[in-house]
PDB file of all heavy atoms in Angstrom:
ATOM      1  N   MET A   1       0.809  -1.224  -0.010  1.00  0.00           N
ATOM      2  CA  MET A   1      -0.003   0.000   0.017  1.00  0.00           C
ATOM      3  C   MET A   1       0.899   1.244  -0.068  1.00  0.00           C
ATOM      4  O   MET A   1       1.649   1.435   0.970  1.00  0.00           O
ATOM      5  CB  MET A   1      -0.937  -0.022   1.185  1.00  0.00           C
ATOM      6  CG  MET A   1      -1.661  -1.300   1.391  1.00  0.00           C
ATOM      7  SD  MET A   1      -2.916  -1.223   2.691  1.00  0.00           S
ATOM      8  CE  MET A   1      -1.785  -1.023   4.149  1.00  0.00           C
ATOM      9  N   ASN A   2       0.790   1.988  -0.960  1.00  0.00           N
ATOM     10  CA  ASN A   2       1.624   3.244  -1.198  1.00  0.00           C
ATOM     11  C   ASN A   2       0.729   4.426  -1.025  1.00  0.00           C
ATOM     12  O   ASN A   2      -0.467   4.448  -1.196  1.00  0.00           O
ATOM     13  CB  ASN A   2       2.378   3.241  -2.503  1.00  0.00           C
ATOM     14  CG  ASN A   2       3.308   2.051  -2.566  1.00  0.00           C
ATOM     15  OD1 ASN A   2       3.910   1.603  -1.563  1.00  0.00           O
ATOM     16  ND2 ASN A   2       3.437   1.542  -3.783  1.00  0.00           N
ATOM     17  N   ASN A   3       1.386   5.586  -0.867  1.00  0.00           N
ATOM     18  CA  ASN A   3       0.737   6.944  -0.759  1.00  0.00           C
ATOM     19  C   ASN A   3      -0.534   6.756   0.063  1.00  0.00           C
ATOM     20  O   ASN A   3      -1.682   7.209  -0.473  1.00  0.00           O
ATOM     21  CB  ASN A   3       0.465   7.438  -2.230  1.00  0.00           C
ATOM     22  CG  ASN A   3      -0.044   8.813  -2.249  1.00  0.00           C
ATOM     23  OD1 ASN A   3       0.191   9.614  -1.386  1.00  0.00           O
ATOM     24  ND2 ASN A   3      -0.676   9.151  -3.284  1.00  0.00           N
ATOM     25  N   GLN A   4      -0.443   6.468   1.230  1.00  0.00           N
ATOM     26  CA  GLN A   4      -1.533   6.234   2.065  1.00  0.00           C
ATOM     27  C   GLN A   4      -2.333   7.547   2.382  1.00  0.00           C
ATOM     28  O   GLN A   4      -1.721   8.551   2.539  1.00  0.00           O
ATOM     29  CB  GLN A   4      -1.206   5.471   3.373  1.00  0.00           C
ATOM     30  CG  GLN A   4      -0.792   4.015   3.135  1.00  0.00           C
ATOM     31  CD  GLN A   4      -2.077   3.230   2.760  1.00  0.00           C
ATOM     32  OE1 GLN A   4      -2.804   2.805   3.601  1.00  0.00           O
ATOM     33  NE2 GLN A   4      -2.234   3.018   1.454  1.00  0.00           N
ATOM     34  N   LYS A   5      -3.631   7.340   2.504  1.00  0.00           N
ATOM     35  CA  LYS A   5      -4.525   8.499   2.729  1.00  0.00           C
ATOM     36  C   LYS A   5      -5.358   8.179   3.967  1.00  0.00           C
ATOM     37  O   LYS A   5      -5.518   7.029   4.379  1.00  0.00           O
ATOM     38  CB  LYS A   5      -5.400   8.800   1.618  1.00  0.00           C
ATOM     39  CG  LYS A   5      -4.773   8.920   0.198  1.00  0.00           C
ATOM     40  CD  LYS A   5      -5.744   9.137  -0.938  1.00  0.00           C
ATOM     41  CE  LYS A   5      -5.019   9.294  -2.184  1.00  0.00           C
ATOM     42  NZ  LYS A   5      -6.005   9.432  -3.315  1.00  0.00           N
ATOM     43  N   HIS A   6      -5.866   9.304   4.622  1.00  0.00           N
ATOM     44  CA  HIS A   6      -6.644   9.129   5.818  1.00  0.00           C
ATOM     45  C   HIS A   6      -7.893   8.095   5.535  1.00  0.00           C
ATOM     46  O   HIS A   6      -8.127   7.235   6.429  1.00  0.00           O
ATOM     47  CB  HIS A   6      -7.194  10.388   6.278  1.00  0.00           C
ATOM     48  CG  HIS A   6      -6.283  11.234   6.813  1.00  0.00           C
ATOM     49  ND1 HIS A   6      -5.614  11.071   8.044  1.00  0.00           N
ATOM     50  CD2 HIS A   6      -5.713  12.470   6.389  1.00  0.00           C
ATOM     51  CE1 HIS A   6      -4.755  12.018   8.359  1.00  0.00           C
ATOM     52  NE2 HIS A   6      -4.764  12.906   7.333  1.00  0.00           N
ATOM     53  N   GLU A   7      -8.369   8.139   4.396  1.00  0.00           N
ATOM     54  CA  GLU A   7      -9.511   7.213   4.084  1.00  0.00           C
ATOM     55  C   GLU A   7      -9.125   5.840   3.905  1.00  0.00           C
ATOM     56  O   GLU A   7     -10.036   4.908   3.723  1.00  0.00           O
ATOM     57  CB  GLU A   7     -10.288   7.753   2.774  1.00  0.00           C
ATOM     58  CG  GLU A   7      -9.496   7.990   1.651  1.00  0.00           C
ATOM     59  CD  GLU A   7      -9.008   9.469   1.484  1.00  0.00           C
ATOM     60  OE1 GLU A   7      -8.653  10.012   2.564  1.00  0.00           O
ATOM     61  OE2 GLU A   7      -8.904   9.942   0.400  1.00  0.00           O
ATOM     62  N   ASP A   8      -7.901   5.487   3.889  1.00  0.00           N
ATOM     63  CA  ASP A   8      -7.382   4.146   3.858  1.00  0.00           C
ATOM     64  C   ASP A   8      -7.438   3.484   5.232  1.00  0.00           C
ATOM     65  O   ASP A   8      -7.129   2.287   5.302  1.00  0.00           O
ATOM     66  CB  ASP A   8      -6.055   4.040   3.283  1.00  0.00           C
ATOM     67  CG  ASP A   8      -6.015   4.448   1.776  1.00  0.00           C
ATOM     68  OD1 ASP A   8      -6.873   4.084   1.117  1.00  0.00           O
ATOM     69  OD2 ASP A   8      -4.996   5.073   1.433  1.00  0.00           O
ATOM     70  N   THR A   9      -7.685   4.194   6.270  1.00  0.00           N
ATOM     71  CA  THR A   9      -7.794   3.687   7.570  1.00  0.00           C
ATOM     72  C   THR A   9      -8.865   2.624   7.620  1.00  0.00           C
ATOM     73  O   THR A   9     -10.024   2.932   7.349  1.00  0.00           O
ATOM     74  CB  THR A   9      -8.141   4.847   8.684  1.00  0.00           C
ATOM     75  OG1 THR A   9      -7.035   5.699   8.695  1.00  0.00           O
ATOM     76  CG2 THR A   9      -8.383   4.264  10.020  1.00  0.00           C
ATOM     77  N   ALA A  10      -8.562   1.437   8.087  1.00  0.00           N
ATOM     78  CA  ALA A  10      -9.467   0.264   8.082  1.00  0.00           C
ATOM     79  C   ALA A  10      -8.834  -0.851   8.757  1.00  0.00           C
ATOM     80  O   ALA A  10      -7.622  -0.929   9.008  1.00  0.00           O
ATOM     81  CB  ALA A  10      -9.871   0.017   6.604  1.00  0.00           C
ATOM     82  N   VAL A  11      -9.613  -2.014   8.918  1.00  0.00           N
ATOM     83  CA  VAL A  11      -9.111  -3.230   9.225  1.00  0.00           C
ATOM     84  C   VAL A  11      -9.033  -4.034   7.903  1.00  0.00           C
ATOM     85  O   VAL A  11      -9.981  -4.019   7.134  1.00  0.00           O
ATOM     86  CB  VAL A  11      -9.994  -3.957  10.195  1.00  0.00           C
ATOM     87  CG1 VAL A  11      -9.465  -5.379  10.432  1.00  0.00           C
ATOM     88  CG2 VAL A  11     -10.137  -3.230  11.557  1.00  0.00           C
ATOM     89  N   TYR A  12      -7.839  -4.538   7.630  1.00  0.00           N
ATOM     90  CA  TYR A  12      -7.628  -5.159   6.337  1.00  0.00           C
ATOM     91  C   TYR A  12      -7.634  -6.731   6.594  1.00  0.00           C
ATOM     92  O   TYR A  12      -7.042  -7.271   7.542  1.00  0.00           O
ATOM     93  CB  TYR A  12      -6.239  -4.802   5.754  1.00  0.00           C
ATOM     94  CG  TYR A  12      -6.331  -3.415   5.198  1.00  0.00           C
ATOM     95  CD1 TYR A  12      -6.362  -2.249   5.963  1.00  0.00           C
ATOM     96  CD2 TYR A  12      -6.335  -3.190   3.825  1.00  0.00           C
ATOM     97  CE1 TYR A  12      -6.422  -1.013   5.517  1.00  0.00           C
ATOM     98  CE2 TYR A  12      -6.402  -1.851   3.198  1.00  0.00           C
ATOM     99  CZ  TYR A  12      -6.491  -0.819   4.112  1.00  0.00           C
ATOM    100  OH  TYR A  12      -6.548   0.451   3.601  1.00  0.00           O
ATOM    101  N   TYR A  13      -8.486  -7.399   5.680  1.00  0.00           N
ATOM    102  CA  TYR A  13      -8.562  -8.792   5.821  1.00  0.00           C
ATOM    103  C   TYR A  13      -8.163  -9.477   4.504  1.00  0.00           C
ATOM    104  O   TYR A  13      -8.281  -8.912   3.448  1.00  0.00           O
ATOM    105  CB  TYR A  13     -10.065  -9.148   6.048  1.00  0.00           C
ATOM    106  CG  TYR A  13     -10.651  -8.638   7.219  1.00  0.00           C
ATOM    107  CD1 TYR A  13     -11.267  -7.371   7.187  1.00  0.00           C
ATOM    108  CD2 TYR A  13     -10.748  -9.398   8.390  1.00  0.00           C
ATOM    109  CE1 TYR A  13     -11.948  -6.880   8.377  1.00  0.00           C
ATOM    110  CE2 TYR A  13     -11.273  -8.893   9.536  1.00  0.00           C
ATOM    111  CZ  TYR A  13     -11.948  -7.623   9.468  1.00  0.00           C
ATOM    112  OH  TYR A  13     -12.566  -7.169  10.685  1.00  0.00           O
ATOM    113  N   CYS A  14      -7.533 -10.760   4.618  1.00  0.00           N
ATOM    114  CA  CYS A  14      -7.306 -11.509   3.500  1.00  0.00           C
ATOM    115  C   CYS A  14      -8.266 -12.750   3.534  1.00  0.00           C
ATOM    116  O   CYS A  14      -8.706 -13.091   4.635  1.00  0.00           O
ATOM    117  CB  CYS A  14      -5.908 -12.038   3.281  1.00  0.00           C
ATOM    118  SG  CYS A  14      -5.310 -13.086   4.705  1.00  0.00           S
ATOM    119  N   ALA A  15      -8.571 -13.225   2.414  1.00  0.00           N
ATOM    120  CA  ALA A  15      -9.530 -14.391   2.301  1.00  0.00           C
ATOM    121  C   ALA A  15      -9.099 -15.201   1.138  1.00  0.00           C
ATOM    122  O   ALA A  15      -8.501 -14.715   0.109  1.00  0.00           O
ATOM    123  CB  ALA A  15     -10.927 -13.900   2.124  1.00  0.00           C
ATOM    124  N   ALA A  16      -9.438 -16.584   1.204  1.00  0.00           N
ATOM    125  CA  ALA A  16      -8.952 -17.420   0.143  1.00  0.00           C
ATOM    126  C   ALA A  16     -10.172 -18.317  -0.291  1.00  0.00           C
ATOM    127  O   ALA A  16     -11.007 -18.632   0.573  1.00  0.00           O
ATOM    128  CB  ALA A  16      -7.753 -18.257   0.672  1.00  0.00           C
ATOM    129  N   VAL A  17     -10.034 -18.814  -1.504  1.00  0.00           N
ATOM    130  CA  VAL A  17     -10.969 -19.720  -2.020  1.00  0.00           C
ATOM    131  C   VAL A  17     -10.277 -20.650  -2.976  1.00  0.00           C
ATOM    132  O   VAL A  17      -9.522 -20.084  -3.857  1.00  0.00           O
ATOM    133  CB  VAL A  17     -12.228 -19.022  -2.692  1.00  0.00           C
ATOM    134  CG1 VAL A  17     -11.808 -18.124  -3.821  1.00  0.00           C
ATOM    135  CG2 VAL A  17     -13.235 -20.056  -3.145  1.00  0.00           C
ATOM    136  N   PRO A  18     -10.558 -21.952  -3.058  1.00  0.00           N
ATOM    137  CA  PRO A  18      -9.925 -22.840  -4.106  1.00  0.00           C
ATOM    138  C   PRO A  18     -10.606 -22.464  -5.398  1.00  0.00           C
ATOM    139  O   PRO A  18     -11.772 -22.742  -5.593  1.00  0.00           O
ATOM    140  CB  PRO A  18     -10.156 -24.157  -3.546  1.00  0.00           C
ATOM    141  CG  PRO A  18     -11.394 -24.014  -2.696  1.00  0.00           C
ATOM    142  CD  PRO A  18     -11.381 -22.682  -2.056  1.00  0.00           C
ATOM    143  N   SER A  19      -9.836 -22.033  -6.305  1.00  0.00           N
ATOM    144  CA  SER A  19     -10.364 -21.575  -7.630  1.00  0.00           C
ATOM    145  C   SER A  19      -9.340 -21.543  -8.663  1.00  0.00           C
ATOM    146  O   SER A  19      -8.191 -21.039  -8.440  1.00  0.00           O
ATOM    147  CB  SER A  19     -11.053 -20.271  -7.456  1.00  0.00           C
ATOM    148  OG  SER A  19     -11.541 -19.798  -8.745  1.00  0.00           O
ATOM    149  N   GLY A  20      -9.692 -21.923  -9.837  1.00  0.00           N
ATOM    150  CA  GLY A  20      -8.776 -21.763 -11.087  1.00  0.00           C
ATOM    151  C   GLY A  20      -9.188 -20.590 -11.819  1.00  0.00           C
ATOM    152  O   GLY A  20      -8.466 -20.407 -12.921  1.00  0.00           O
ATOM    153  N   ALA A  21     -10.111 -19.808 -11.466  1.00  0.00           N
ATOM    154  CA  ALA A  21     -10.474 -18.718 -12.288  1.00  0.00           C
ATOM    155  C   ALA A  21      -9.369 -17.605 -12.250  1.00  0.00           C
ATOM    156  O   ALA A  21      -8.690 -17.471 -11.231  1.00  0.00           O
ATOM    157  CB  ALA A  21     -11.811 -18.117 -11.773  1.00  0.00           C
ATOM    158  N   SER A  22      -9.328 -16.712 -13.306  1.00  0.00           N
ATOM    159  CA  SER A  22      -8.356 -15.705 -13.333  1.00  0.00           C
ATOM    160  C   SER A  22      -9.098 -14.423 -12.709  1.00  0.00           C
ATOM    161  O   SER A  22     -10.262 -14.283 -12.666  1.00  0.00           O
ATOM    162  CB  SER A  22      -7.896 -15.431 -14.690  1.00  0.00           C
ATOM    163  OG  SER A  22      -9.026 -15.142 -15.540  1.00  0.00           O
ATOM    164  N   ALA A  23      -8.211 -13.537 -12.333  1.00  0.00           N
ATOM    165  CA  ALA A  23      -8.795 -12.230 -11.830  1.00  0.00           C
ATOM    166  C   ALA A  23      -9.204 -11.496 -13.176  1.00  0.00           C
ATOM    167  O   ALA A  23      -8.439 -11.619 -14.195  1.00  0.00           O
ATOM    168  CB  ALA A  23      -7.740 -11.405 -11.148  1.00  0.00           C
ATOM    169  N   PRO A  24     -10.202 -10.703 -13.285  1.00  0.00           N
ATOM    170  CA  PRO A  24     -11.079 -10.238 -12.215  1.00  0.00           C
ATOM    171  C   PRO A  24     -12.187 -11.220 -11.772  1.00  0.00           C
ATOM    172  O   PRO A  24     -12.891 -10.905 -10.834  1.00  0.00           O
ATOM    173  CB  PRO A  24     -11.646  -8.996 -12.765  1.00  0.00           C
ATOM    174  CG  PRO A  24     -11.751  -9.255 -14.301  1.00  0.00           C
ATOM    175  CD  PRO A  24     -10.544 -10.032 -14.549  1.00  0.00           C
ATOM    176  N   PHE A  25     -12.381 -12.287 -12.502  1.00  0.00           N
ATOM    177  CA  PHE A  25     -13.515 -13.111 -12.181  1.00  0.00           C
ATOM    178  C   PHE A  25     -13.490 -13.629 -10.779  1.00  0.00           C
ATOM    179  O   PHE A  25     -14.523 -13.761 -10.105  1.00  0.00           O
ATOM    180  CB  PHE A  25     -13.628 -14.311 -13.233  1.00  0.00           C
ATOM    181  CG  PHE A  25     -13.689 -13.819 -14.631  1.00  0.00           C
ATOM    182  CD1 PHE A  25     -12.526 -13.948 -15.497  1.00  0.00           C
ATOM    183  CD2 PHE A  25     -14.867 -13.307 -15.195  1.00  0.00           C
ATOM    184  CE1 PHE A  25     -12.660 -13.465 -16.781  1.00  0.00           C
ATOM    185  CE2 PHE A  25     -14.899 -12.886 -16.421  1.00  0.00           C
ATOM    186  CZ  PHE A  25     -13.859 -12.953 -17.246  1.00  0.00           C
ATOM    187  N   VAL A  26     -12.257 -14.019 -10.428  1.00  0.00           N
ATOM    188  CA  VAL A  26     -12.232 -14.611  -9.079  1.00  0.00           C
ATOM    189  C   VAL A  26     -12.403 -13.676  -7.895  1.00  0.00           C
ATOM    190  O   VAL A  26     -12.620 -14.008  -6.804  1.00  0.00           O
ATOM    191  CB  VAL A  26     -10.844 -15.430  -8.923  1.00  0.00           C
ATOM    192  CG1 VAL A  26      -9.639 -14.411  -8.618  1.00  0.00           C
ATOM    193  CG2 VAL A  26     -10.906 -16.397  -7.855  1.00  0.00           C
ATOM    194  N   CYS A  27     -12.354 -12.386  -8.273  1.00  0.00           N
ATOM    195  CA  CYS A  27     -12.646 -11.355  -7.290  1.00  0.00           C
ATOM    196  C   CYS A  27     -14.140 -11.385  -6.876  1.00  0.00           C
ATOM    197  O   CYS A  27     -14.464 -10.943  -5.693  1.00  0.00           O
ATOM    198  CB  CYS A  27     -12.311  -9.954  -7.748  1.00  0.00           C
ATOM    199  SG  CYS A  27     -10.630  -9.520  -7.732  1.00  0.00           S
ATOM    200  N   ARG A  28     -14.965 -11.984  -7.611  1.00  0.00           N
ATOM    201  CA  ARG A  28     -16.390 -11.880  -7.366  1.00  0.00           C
ATOM    202  C   ARG A  28     -16.907 -13.126  -6.767  1.00  0.00           C
ATOM    203  O   ARG A  28     -18.095 -13.223  -6.386  1.00  0.00           O
ATOM    204  CB  ARG A  28     -17.070 -11.708  -8.770  1.00  0.00           C
ATOM    205  CG  ARG A  28     -16.719 -10.441  -9.514  1.00  0.00           C
ATOM    206  CD  ARG A  28     -17.218  -9.187  -8.853  1.00  0.00           C
ATOM    207  NE  ARG A  28     -16.770  -8.020  -9.677  1.00  0.00           N
ATOM    208  CZ  ARG A  28     -15.868  -7.212  -9.338  1.00  0.00           C
ATOM    209  NH1 ARG A  28     -15.105  -7.389  -8.333  1.00  0.00           N
ATOM    210  NH2 ARG A  28     -15.641  -6.104 -10.180  1.00  0.00           N
ATOM    211  N   VAL A  29     -16.082 -14.116  -6.545  1.00  0.00           N
ATOM    212  CA  VAL A  29     -16.535 -15.349  -5.887  1.00  0.00           C
ATOM    213  C   VAL A  29     -16.731 -15.260  -4.450  1.00  0.00           C
ATOM    214  O   VAL A  29     -16.345 -14.198  -3.791  1.00  0.00           O
ATOM    215  CB  VAL A  29     -15.693 -16.584  -6.214  1.00  0.00           C
ATOM    216  CG1 VAL A  29     -15.409 -16.773  -7.733  1.00  0.00           C
ATOM    217  CG2 VAL A  29     -14.272 -16.359  -5.492  1.00  0.00           C
ATOM    218  N   GLN A  30     -17.445 -16.261  -3.830  1.00  0.00           N
ATOM    219  CA  GLN A  30     -17.557 -16.289  -2.328  1.00  0.00           C
ATOM    220  C   GLN A  30     -16.309 -16.831  -1.738  1.00  0.00           C
ATOM    221  O   GLN A  30     -15.927 -18.014  -2.013  1.00  0.00           O
ATOM    222  CB  GLN A  30     -18.832 -17.151  -2.012  1.00  0.00           C
ATOM    223  CG  GLN A  30     -19.155 -17.038  -0.544  1.00  0.00           C
ATOM    224  CD  GLN A  30     -20.006 -15.840  -0.239  1.00  0.00           C
ATOM    225  OE1 GLN A  30     -20.470 -15.126  -1.134  1.00  0.00           O
ATOM    226  NE2 GLN A  30     -20.130 -15.511   1.083  1.00  0.00           N
ATOM    227  N   TYR A  31     -15.596 -16.160  -0.895  1.00  0.00           N
ATOM    228  CA  TYR A  31     -14.444 -16.651  -0.211  1.00  0.00           C
ATOM    229  C   TYR A  31     -14.774 -17.376   0.959  1.00  0.00           C
ATOM    230  O   TYR A  31     -15.686 -17.062   1.750  1.00  0.00           O
ATOM    231  CB  TYR A  31     -13.439 -15.399   0.034  1.00  0.00           C
ATOM    232  CG  TYR A  31     -12.822 -14.806  -1.141  1.00  0.00           C
ATOM    233  CD1 TYR A  31     -13.457 -13.975  -2.003  1.00  0.00           C
ATOM    234  CD2 TYR A  31     -11.534 -15.216  -1.438  1.00  0.00           C
ATOM    235  CE1 TYR A  31     -12.786 -13.530  -3.156  1.00  0.00           C
ATOM    236  CE2 TYR A  31     -10.843 -14.787  -2.598  1.00  0.00           C
ATOM    237  CZ  TYR A  31     -11.515 -13.975  -3.438  1.00  0.00           C
ATOM    238  OH  TYR A  31     -10.892 -13.514  -4.596  1.00  0.00           O
ATOM    239  N   THR A  32     -14.022 -18.466   1.139  1.00  0.00           N
ATOM    240  CA  THR A  32     -14.398 -19.478   2.132  1.00  0.00           C
ATOM    241  C   THR A  32     -13.588 -19.456   3.387  1.00  0.00           C
ATOM    242  O   THR A  32     -14.021 -19.984   4.492  1.00  0.00           O
ATOM    243  CB  THR A  32     -14.447 -20.865   1.546  1.00  0.00           C
ATOM    244  OG1 THR A  32     -13.159 -21.082   0.998  1.00  0.00           O
ATOM    245  CG2 THR A  32     -15.451 -20.916   0.455  1.00  0.00           C
ATOM    246  N   VAL A  33     -12.332 -18.918   3.290  1.00  0.00           N
ATOM    247  CA  VAL A  33     -11.507 -18.943   4.482  1.00  0.00           C
ATOM    248  C   VAL A  33     -11.053 -17.478   4.650  1.00  0.00           C
ATOM    249  O   VAL A  33     -10.543 -16.810   3.709  1.00  0.00           O
ATOM    250  CB  VAL A  33     -10.249 -19.804   4.184  1.00  0.00           C
ATOM    251  CG1 VAL A  33      -9.382 -19.776   5.503  1.00  0.00           C
ATOM    252  CG2 VAL A  33     -10.644 -21.211   3.873  1.00  0.00           C
ATOM    253  N   TRP A  34     -11.120 -17.026   5.903  1.00  0.00           N
ATOM    254  CA  TRP A  34     -10.871 -15.552   6.282  1.00  0.00           C
ATOM    255  C   TRP A  34      -9.854 -15.509   7.356  1.00  0.00           C
ATOM    256  O   TRP A  34      -9.849 -16.331   8.276  1.00  0.00           O
ATOM    257  CB  TRP A  34     -12.132 -14.944   6.634  1.00  0.00           C
ATOM    258  CG  TRP A  34     -13.140 -14.663   5.497  1.00  0.00           C
ATOM    259  CD1 TRP A  34     -13.899 -15.496   4.950  1.00  0.00           C
ATOM    260  CD2 TRP A  34     -13.249 -13.454   4.773  1.00  0.00           C
ATOM    261  NE1 TRP A  34     -14.681 -14.935   3.909  1.00  0.00           N
ATOM    262  CE2 TRP A  34     -14.202 -13.649   3.845  1.00  0.00           C
ATOM    263  CE3 TRP A  34     -12.596 -12.185   4.858  1.00  0.00           C
ATOM    264  CZ2 TRP A  34     -14.592 -12.728   2.909  1.00  0.00           C
ATOM    265  CZ3 TRP A  34     -13.041 -11.212   3.919  1.00  0.00           C
ATOM    266  CH2 TRP A  34     -14.056 -11.396   3.014  1.00  0.00           C
ATOM    267  N   GLY A  35      -9.022 -14.470   7.240  1.00  0.00           N
ATOM    268  CA  GLY A  35      -8.112 -14.181   8.383  1.00  0.00           C
ATOM    269  C   GLY A  35      -8.885 -13.320   9.425  1.00  0.00           C
ATOM    270  O   GLY A  35     -10.013 -12.927   9.212  1.00  0.00           O
ATOM    271  N   GLN A  36      -8.179 -12.975  10.494  1.00  0.00           N
ATOM    272  CA  GLN A  36      -8.747 -12.226  11.542  1.00  0.00           C
ATOM    273  C   GLN A  36      -8.616 -10.742  11.382  1.00  0.00           C
ATOM    274  O   GLN A  36      -9.275 -10.024  12.121  1.00  0.00           O
ATOM    275  CB  GLN A  36      -8.139 -12.628  12.893  1.00  0.00           C
ATOM    276  CG  GLN A  36      -6.800 -11.909  13.292  1.00  0.00           C
ATOM    277  CD  GLN A  36      -5.734 -12.293  12.363  1.00  0.00           C
ATOM    278  OE1 GLN A  36      -5.667 -13.300  11.629  1.00  0.00           O
ATOM    279  NE2 GLN A  36      -4.553 -11.501  12.437  1.00  0.00           N
TER     280      GLN A  36
END
């Protein structure tokens, strides 16, 4: 994350899903595993 702005203040999460789809399609799927 570069050139951070006040509006970037947030809790950031990663999530994963087993998928062979390429981005951007895989961005739209339901993610099944989430971090804290």
